[in-house]
PDB file of N, CA and C in Angstrom:
ATOM      1  N   MET A   1      14.881  12.288  24.416  1.00  0.00           N
ATOM      2  CA  MET A   1      14.053  12.846  23.020  1.00  0.00           C
ATOM      3  C   MET A   1      14.267  11.402  22.508  1.00  0.00           C
ATOM      4  N   SER A   2      12.886  10.547  22.200  1.00  0.00           N
ATOM      5  CA  SER A   2      12.304   9.838  21.382  1.00  0.00           C
ATOM      6  C   SER A   2      12.262  10.449  19.656  1.00  0.00           C
ATOM      7  N   PRO A   3      13.169   9.576  19.306  1.00  0.00           N
ATOM      8  CA  PRO A   3      12.881   9.434  17.463  1.00  0.00           C
ATOM      9  C   PRO A   3      11.808   9.868  17.344  1.00  0.00           C
ATOM     10  N   GLU A   4      11.598  10.515  15.775  1.00  0.00           N
ATOM     11  CA  GLU A   4      10.275  10.645  15.296  1.00  0.00           C
ATOM     12  C   GLU A   4       9.836   9.231  14.611  1.00  0.00           C
ATOM     13  N   ILE A   5       8.378   9.196  14.287  1.00  0.00           N
ATOM     14  CA  ILE A   5       7.760   7.895  14.602  1.00  0.00           C
ATOM     15  C   ILE A   5       7.758   8.541  12.632  1.00  0.00           C
ATOM     16  N   HIS A   6       7.727   7.493  11.458  1.00  0.00           N
ATOM     17  CA  HIS A   6       8.082   7.501  10.209  1.00  0.00           C
ATOM     18  C   HIS A   6       7.072   6.770   9.696  1.00  0.00           C
ATOM     19  N   TYR A   7       6.403   5.793  10.188  1.00  0.00           N
ATOM     20  CA  TYR A   7       5.597   4.433   9.892  1.00  0.00           C
ATOM     21  C   TYR A   7       3.847   4.794   9.512  1.00  0.00           C
ATOM     22  N   GLU A   8       3.665   4.363   8.822  1.00  0.00           N
ATOM     23  CA  GLU A   8       2.402   4.635   8.254  1.00  0.00           C
ATOM     24  C   GLU A   8       1.429   3.827   9.453  1.00  0.00           C
ATOM     25  N   ILE A   9       0.768   4.486   9.990  1.00  0.00           N
ATOM     26  CA  ILE A   9      -0.282   4.437  10.709  1.00  0.00           C
ATOM     27  C   ILE A   9      -1.956   4.512  10.233  1.00  0.00           C
ATOM     28  N   ILE A  10      -2.744   2.932  10.516  1.00  0.00           N
ATOM     29  CA  ILE A  10      -3.653   2.954   9.905  1.00  0.00           C
ATOM     30  C   ILE A  10      -5.124   3.321  11.778  1.00  0.00           C
ATOM     31  N   LEU A  11      -5.577   4.131  11.375  1.00  0.00           N
ATOM     32  CA  LEU A  11      -6.717   4.490  12.667  1.00  0.00           C
ATOM     33  C   LEU A  11      -7.923   4.809  11.854  1.00  0.00           C
ATOM     34  N   TYR A  12      -8.728   3.972  12.682  1.00  0.00           N
ATOM     35  CA  TYR A  12     -10.322   3.971  12.482  1.00  0.00           C
ATOM     36  C   TYR A  12     -10.536   3.213  14.294  1.00  0.00           C
ATOM     37  N   TRP A  13     -11.996   3.250  13.884  1.00  0.00           N
ATOM     38  CA  TRP A  13     -12.866   3.065  14.972  1.00  0.00           C
ATOM     39  C   TRP A  13     -13.596   1.446  15.177  1.00  0.00           C
ATOM     40  N   SER A  14     -13.325   1.118  16.005  1.00  0.00           N
ATOM     41  CA  SER A  14     -13.849  -0.326  15.692  1.00  0.00           C
ATOM     42  C   SER A  14     -15.053  -0.617  16.924  1.00  0.00           C
ATOM     43  N   ARG A  15     -16.271  -1.165  16.007  1.00  0.00           N
ATOM     44  CA  ARG A  15     -17.284  -1.845  16.525  1.00  0.00           C
ATOM     45  C   ARG A  15     -17.347  -2.228  17.799  1.00  0.00           C
ATOM     46  N   ASP A  16     -16.759  -3.305  17.422  1.00  0.00           N
ATOM     47  CA  ASP A  16     -16.353  -4.420  17.864  1.00  0.00           C
ATOM     48  C   ASP A  16     -15.771  -4.286  19.395  1.00  0.00           C
ATOM     49  N   ASP A  17     -14.321  -3.308  19.539  1.00  0.00           N
ATOM     50  CA  ASP A  17     -14.215  -3.486  20.589  1.00  0.00           C
ATOM     51  C   ASP A  17     -14.669  -1.688  20.949  1.00  0.00           C
ATOM     52  N   GLU A  18     -15.502  -0.731  20.565  1.00  0.00           N
ATOM     53  CA  GLU A  18     -15.608   0.493  21.033  1.00  0.00           C
ATOM     54  C   GLU A  18     -14.743   0.690  21.244  1.00  0.00           C
ATOM     55  N   ALA A  19     -13.419   1.046  20.280  1.00  0.00           N
ATOM     56  CA  ALA A  19     -12.646   2.340  20.568  1.00  0.00           C
ATOM     57  C   ALA A  19     -11.819   2.819  19.250  1.00  0.00           C
ATOM     58  N   PHE A  20     -11.007   3.245  19.301  1.00  0.00           N
ATOM     59  CA  PHE A  20      -9.966   3.508  17.821  1.00  0.00           C
ATOM     60  C   PHE A  20      -9.025   2.448  18.538  1.00  0.00           C
ATOM     61  N   VAL A  21      -8.714   2.022  17.077  1.00  0.00           N
ATOM     62  CA  VAL A  21      -7.800   1.396  16.783  1.00  0.00           C
ATOM     63  C   VAL A  21      -6.542   1.853  15.904  1.00  0.00           C
ATOM     64  N   ALA A  22      -5.270   1.864  16.306  1.00  0.00           N
ATOM     65  CA  ALA A  22      -4.009   2.158  15.716  1.00  0.00           C
ATOM     66  C   ALA A  22      -3.204   0.977  15.129  1.00  0.00           C
ATOM     67  N   GLU A  23      -3.202   0.726  13.745  1.00  0.00           N
ATOM     68  CA  GLU A  23      -2.447  -0.231  13.197  1.00  0.00           C
ATOM     69  C   GLU A  23      -1.184   0.095  12.394  1.00  0.00           C
ATOM     70  N   VAL A  24      -0.318  -0.651  12.490  1.00  0.00           N
ATOM     71  CA  VAL A  24       1.140  -0.088  11.797  1.00  0.00           C
ATOM     72  C   VAL A  24       1.564  -1.401  10.887  1.00  0.00           C
ATOM     73  N   PRO A  25       0.850  -1.168   9.863  1.00  0.00           N
ATOM     74  CA  PRO A  25       1.089  -2.968   8.767  1.00  0.00           C
ATOM     75  C   PRO A  25       2.836  -2.853   8.644  1.00  0.00           C
ATOM     76  N   GLU A  26       3.404  -2.007   8.818  1.00  0.00           N
ATOM     77  CA  GLU A  26       4.779  -2.610   8.283  1.00  0.00           C
ATOM     78  C   GLU A  26       6.017  -3.468   9.843  1.00  0.00           C
ATOM     79  N   LEU A  27       5.030  -3.288  10.826  1.00  0.00           N
ATOM     80  CA  LEU A  27       5.672  -3.734  11.691  1.00  0.00           C
ATOM     81  C   LEU A  27       4.796  -4.880  12.875  1.00  0.00           C
ATOM     82  N   ALA A  28       4.935  -5.876  12.416  1.00  0.00           N
ATOM     83  CA  ALA A  28       4.161  -7.578  12.492  1.00  0.00           C
ATOM     84  C   ALA A  28       3.483  -7.733  13.711  1.00  0.00           C
ATOM     85  N   GLY A  29       1.819  -7.309  13.943  1.00  0.00           N
ATOM     86  CA  GLY A  29       1.571  -7.200  15.713  1.00  0.00           C
ATOM     87  C   GLY A  29       1.603  -5.669  15.983  1.00  0.00           C
ATOM     88  N   CYS A  30       2.329  -4.730  15.433  1.00  0.00           N
ATOM     89  CA  CYS A  30       2.024  -3.866  16.027  1.00  0.00           C
ATOM     90  C   CYS A  30       0.564  -3.168  15.868  1.00  0.00           C
ATOM     91  N   ALA A  31       0.288  -2.477  16.861  1.00  0.00           N
ATOM     92  CA  ALA A  31      -1.351  -1.917  16.827  1.00  0.00           C
ATOM     93  C   ALA A  31      -1.803  -1.644  18.742  1.00  0.00           C
ATOM     94  N   ALA A  32      -2.597  -0.577  18.700  1.00  0.00           N
ATOM     95  CA  ALA A  32      -2.920  -0.127  19.622  1.00  0.00           C
ATOM     96  C   ALA A  32      -4.206   0.813  19.458  1.00  0.00           C
ATOM     97  N   ASP A  33      -4.760   0.737  20.878  1.00  0.00           N
ATOM     98  CA  ASP A  33      -5.946   1.418  20.764  1.00  0.00           C
ATOM     99  C   ASP A  33      -6.723   2.064  22.004  1.00  0.00           C
ATOM    100  N   GLY A  34      -7.093   2.782  22.222  1.00  0.00           N
ATOM    101  CA  GLY A  34      -8.093   3.819  22.587  1.00  0.00           C
ATOM    102  C   GLY A  34      -9.119   4.269  22.723  1.00  0.00           C
ATOM    103  N   ALA A  35      -9.715   5.593  23.658  1.00  0.00           N
ATOM    104  CA  ALA A  35     -11.111   5.890  23.157  1.00  0.00           C
ATOM    105  C   ALA A  35     -11.382   6.917  22.762  1.00  0.00           C
ATOM    106  N   THR A  36     -10.586   7.679  22.440  1.00  0.00           N
ATOM    107  CA  THR A  36      -9.771   8.994  21.577  1.00  0.00           C
ATOM    108  C   THR A  36      -9.228   9.037  20.570  1.00  0.00           C
ATOM    109  N   TYR A  37      -9.329   9.619  19.242  1.00  0.00           N
ATOM    110  CA  TYR A  37      -8.488   9.457  18.570  1.00  0.00           C
ATOM    111  C   TYR A  37      -7.187   9.119  18.748  1.00  0.00           C
ATOM    112  N   GLY A  38      -7.272  10.688  19.364  1.00  0.00           N
ATOM    113  CA  GLY A  38      -5.646  11.549  19.541  1.00  0.00           C
ATOM    114  C   GLY A  38      -4.465  10.370  21.031  1.00  0.00           C
ATOM    115  N   GLU A  39      -5.513   9.401  22.058  1.00  0.00           N
ATOM    116  CA  GLU A  39      -5.377   8.370  23.019  1.00  0.00           C
ATOM    117  C   GLU A  39      -5.054   7.555  22.143  1.00  0.00           C
ATOM    118  N   ALA A  40      -5.533   6.863  20.726  1.00  0.00           N
ATOM    119  CA  ALA A  40      -5.197   5.264  20.040  1.00  0.00           C
ATOM    120  C   ALA A  40      -3.489   5.937  19.591  1.00  0.00           C
ATOM    121  N   LEU A  41      -3.722   7.220  19.009  1.00  0.00           N
ATOM    122  CA  LEU A  41      -2.567   7.108  18.026  1.00  0.00           C
ATOM    123  C   LEU A  41      -1.070   7.722  19.104  1.00  0.00           C
ATOM    124  N   ALA A  42      -1.750   8.306  20.315  1.00  0.00           N
ATOM    125  CA  ALA A  42      -0.741   8.146  21.763  1.00  0.00           C
ATOM    126  C   ALA A  42       0.013   7.167  22.423  1.00  0.00           C
ATOM    127  N   ASN A  43      -1.269   6.062  22.172  1.00  0.00           N
ATOM    128  CA  ASN A  43      -0.054   4.955  22.341  1.00  0.00           C
ATOM    129  C   ASN A  43       0.432   3.585  21.830  1.00  0.00           C
ATOM    130  N   VAL A  44      -0.430   4.479  20.178  1.00  0.00           N
ATOM    131  CA  VAL A  44       0.337   3.340  19.227  1.00  0.00           C
ATOM    132  C   VAL A  44       1.793   3.574  19.344  1.00  0.00           C
ATOM    133  N   GLU A  45       2.672   4.755  19.409  1.00  0.00           N
ATOM    134  CA  GLU A  45       3.634   5.925  19.018  1.00  0.00           C
ATOM    135  C   GLU A  45       4.350   5.107  20.229  1.00  0.00           C
ATOM    136  N   VAL A  46       3.702   4.873  21.625  1.00  0.00           N
ATOM    137  CA  VAL A  46       4.730   4.666  22.401  1.00  0.00           C
ATOM    138  C   VAL A  46       4.888   2.883  22.133  1.00  0.00           C
ATOM    139  N   VAL A  47       4.036   2.200  21.744  1.00  0.00           N
ATOM    140  CA  VAL A  47       4.477   0.681  20.948  1.00  0.00           C
ATOM    141  C   VAL A  47       5.173   0.593  19.929  1.00  0.00           C
ATOM    142  N   ILE A  48       4.953   1.389  18.767  1.00  0.00           N
ATOM    143  CA  ILE A  48       5.893   1.334  17.970  1.00  0.00           C
ATOM    144  C   ILE A  48       7.403   1.231  18.277  1.00  0.00           C
ATOM    145  N   ARG A  49       7.959   2.442  19.303  1.00  0.00           N
ATOM    146  CA  ARG A  49       9.318   2.011  20.302  1.00  0.00           C
ATOM    147  C   ARG A  49       9.801   1.233  20.891  1.00  0.00           C
ATOM    148  N   GLU A  50       8.780   0.554  21.608  1.00  0.00           N
ATOM    149  CA  GLU A  50       8.674  -0.667  22.739  1.00  0.00           C
ATOM    150  C   GLU A  50       8.533  -1.938  21.529  1.00  0.00           C
ATOM    151  N   TRP A  51       8.456  -1.339  20.426  1.00  0.00           N
ATOM    152  CA  TRP A  51       8.392  -3.113  19.250  1.00  0.00           C
ATOM    153  C   TRP A  51       9.882  -2.546  18.794  1.00  0.00           C
ATOM    154  N   ILE A  52      10.145  -1.541  18.259  1.00  0.00           N
ATOM    155  CA  ILE A  52      11.410  -1.356  18.039  1.00  0.00           C
ATOM    156  C   ILE A  52      12.815  -1.805  18.636  1.00  0.00           C
ATOM    157  N   GLU A  53      12.953  -1.275  20.083  1.00  0.00           N
ATOM    158  CA  GLU A  53      13.431  -1.969  20.834  1.00  0.00           C
ATOM    159  C   GLU A  53      13.426  -3.300  21.110  1.00  0.00           C
ATOM    160  N   THR A  54      12.368  -3.814  21.465  1.00  0.00           N
ATOM    161  CA  THR A  54      12.805  -5.058  21.361  1.00  0.00           C
ATOM    162  C   THR A  54      12.901  -6.499  20.290  1.00  0.00           C
ATOM    163  N   ALA A  55      12.399  -5.384  19.482  1.00  0.00           N
ATOM    164  CA  ALA A  55      13.250  -6.528  17.900  1.00  0.00           C
ATOM    165  C   ALA A  55      14.482  -5.997  18.286  1.00  0.00           C
ATOM    166  N   GLY A  56      15.060  -5.167  18.197  1.00  0.00           N
ATOM    167  CA  GLY A  56      16.655  -4.641  18.503  1.00  0.00           C
ATOM    168  C   GLY A  56      16.841  -6.091  19.186  1.00  0.00           C
ATOM    169  N   GLU A  57      16.701  -5.950  20.900  1.00  0.00           N
ATOM    170  CA  GLU A  57      17.452  -6.696  21.980  1.00  0.00           C
ATOM    171  C   GLU A  57      17.112  -7.673  21.635  1.00  0.00           C
ATOM    172  N   LEU A  58      16.174  -8.158  20.437  1.00  0.00           N
ATOM    173  CA  LEU A  58      16.568  -9.779  20.169  1.00  0.00           C
ATOM    174  C   LEU A  58      17.144 -10.062  18.843  1.00  0.00           C
ATOM    175  N   GLY A  59      17.346  -9.187  18.246  1.00  0.00           N
ATOM    176  CA  GLY A  59      18.533  -9.198  17.221  1.00  0.00           C
ATOM    177  C   GLY A  59      17.652  -9.708  15.738  1.00  0.00           C
ATOM    178  N   ARG A  60      16.085  -8.790  16.139  1.00  0.00           N
ATOM    179  CA  ARG A  60      15.549  -9.548  14.537  1.00  0.00           C
ATOM    180  C   ARG A  60      15.289  -8.057  13.901  1.00  0.00           C
ATOM    181  N   PRO A  61      14.882  -8.041  12.533  1.00  0.00           N
ATOM    182  CA  PRO A  61      15.588  -6.936  11.683  1.00  0.00           C
ATOM    183  C   PRO A  61      13.864  -5.971  12.034  1.00  0.00           C
ATOM    184  N   ILE A  62      14.719  -4.538  11.681  1.00  0.00           N
ATOM    185  CA  ILE A  62      13.705  -3.672  12.178  1.00  0.00           C
ATOM    186  C   ILE A  62      13.260  -3.308  10.178  1.00  0.00           C
ATOM    187  N   PRO A  63      12.339  -3.219   9.786  1.00  0.00           N
ATOM    188  CA  PRO A  63      11.971  -2.410   8.521  1.00  0.00           C
ATOM    189  C   PRO A  63      11.999  -1.033   8.637  1.00  0.00           C
ATOM    190  N   ALA A  64      13.054  -0.781   7.299  1.00  0.00           N
ATOM    191  CA  ALA A  64      13.126   0.737   7.156  1.00  0.00           C
ATOM    192  C   ALA A  64      11.083   0.902   6.762  1.00  0.00           C
ATOM    193  N   PRO A  65      11.194   2.309   7.502  1.00  0.00           N
ATOM    194  CA  PRO A  65       9.812   2.887   7.119  1.00  0.00           C
ATOM    195  C   PRO A  65       9.783   3.263   4.936  1.00  0.00           C
ATOM    196  N   ARG A  66       8.381   2.418   4.870  1.00  0.00           N
ATOM    197  CA  ARG A  66       8.560   2.395   3.284  1.00  0.00           C
ATOM    198  C   ARG A  66       7.660   4.073   3.054  1.00  0.00           C
ATOM    199  N   GLY A  67       7.025   4.363   3.846  1.00  0.00           N
ATOM    200  CA  GLY A  67       6.226   5.557   3.498  1.00  0.00           C
ATOM    201  C   GLY A  67       4.435   5.027   3.175  1.00  0.00           C
ATOM    202  N   ARG A  68       3.683   6.314   2.776  1.00  0.00           N
ATOM    203  CA  ARG A  68       2.718   5.896   2.256  1.00  0.00           C
ATOM    204  C   ARG A  68       2.683   4.247   1.346  1.00  0.00           C
ATOM    205  N   LEU A  69       2.078   3.690   1.954  1.00  0.00           N
ATOM    206  CA  LEU A  69       1.357   2.370   1.706  1.00  0.00           C
ATOM    207  C   LEU A  69      -0.100   2.302   1.013  1.00  0.00           C
ATOM    208  N   MET A  70      -0.510   1.008   0.350  1.00  0.00           N
ATOM    209  CA  MET A  70      -1.825   1.505   0.007  1.00  0.00           C
ATOM    210  C   MET A  70      -3.008  -0.073   0.103  1.00  0.00           C
ATOM    211  N   PHE A  71      -2.655   0.312   1.765  1.00  0.00           N
ATOM    212  CA  PHE A  71      -3.373  -0.949   2.393  1.00  0.00           C
ATOM    213  C   PHE A  71      -5.210  -1.076   2.543  1.00  0.00           C
ATOM    214  N   ALA A  72      -5.096   0.707   3.040  1.00  0.00           N
ATOM    215  CA  ALA A  72      -6.483   1.356   3.422  1.00  0.00           C
ATOM    216  C   ALA A  72      -7.164   1.293   1.491  1.00  0.00           C
TER     217      ALA A  72
END
């Protein structure tokens, strides 16, 4: 079973990409897109897990989730 996602996710419609975009501000460069809101959310959850796994393999720090941020 995969760990729960506790990072803030910002999800919005991008006219330029013609897709929903999901960004994770606490994890540099961590983002995904999808044709629907649900697809973008599912995709970014996969990318979050991959980001954490890769950072761990490379010995890079993995930030602890801080909860609600004030980016929006």
